[in-house]
């Protein structure tokens, strides 16, 4: 409730659904929605192969107003599947704020993936690529929450990934305090793309948590 991107909308009478796979968290979601008749709690995983039929089964229309996505794992793959069939007016999606552009980081799809220290989800550079594929644009980054919308949005001021990252995360005066656990990745902000890739590959080799290897690449002039 406190950190939700959608709870205040339900309090204002919006209609929608919250999807939660964990039984304990789902029970809390049901309690949170108890007095909100327009809010529906759905006990299910959100995976690329089930998300479209799942959203349709609970009555979500193609041109829905707001999609908030925070899975800490397969976010990119689920969002990609959604955008093939739905056209949200506004999308809030958590990105991996540790990986600065122009580096791209994408966690390989893995069923029932779990959050791993530093290496999860996808970077804002990969989000920018996905936006281009579906004619969306980045409106803003709020630390690790990216706001995107269709390019046709009237009077919108879209940003490239590097500008959004700088304003929304890297140059925030309280960033190091808020994200103290990211300090061992701080060096990425001063490395070239090539050196950044080398650093990440070495970091992952030394990490006992990196069971699933992500895809890392840098932006080049030919990309």
Foldseek 3Di string as FASTA:
>chain_A
DVPDPCLVVLVVQDADEDEAADPVVLVVVCVSCVPRVRYYYHHDDQALVCPVVVCVVVPADQAAAEAEDDDQACRVSSVLSSLVRHAYQKYKYFALLLAAPPKKKAFDDDPPDDHDPSHHHIHLNVVQVSCVVRQKFWQAAAAGITMIGHVVPPPGDGDDRNVRSCVRAVVDPCRCVVPVVSVVSVCNVVDDLVVSVVVVVVVLVPDPRPPGDIDMDHDDPVD
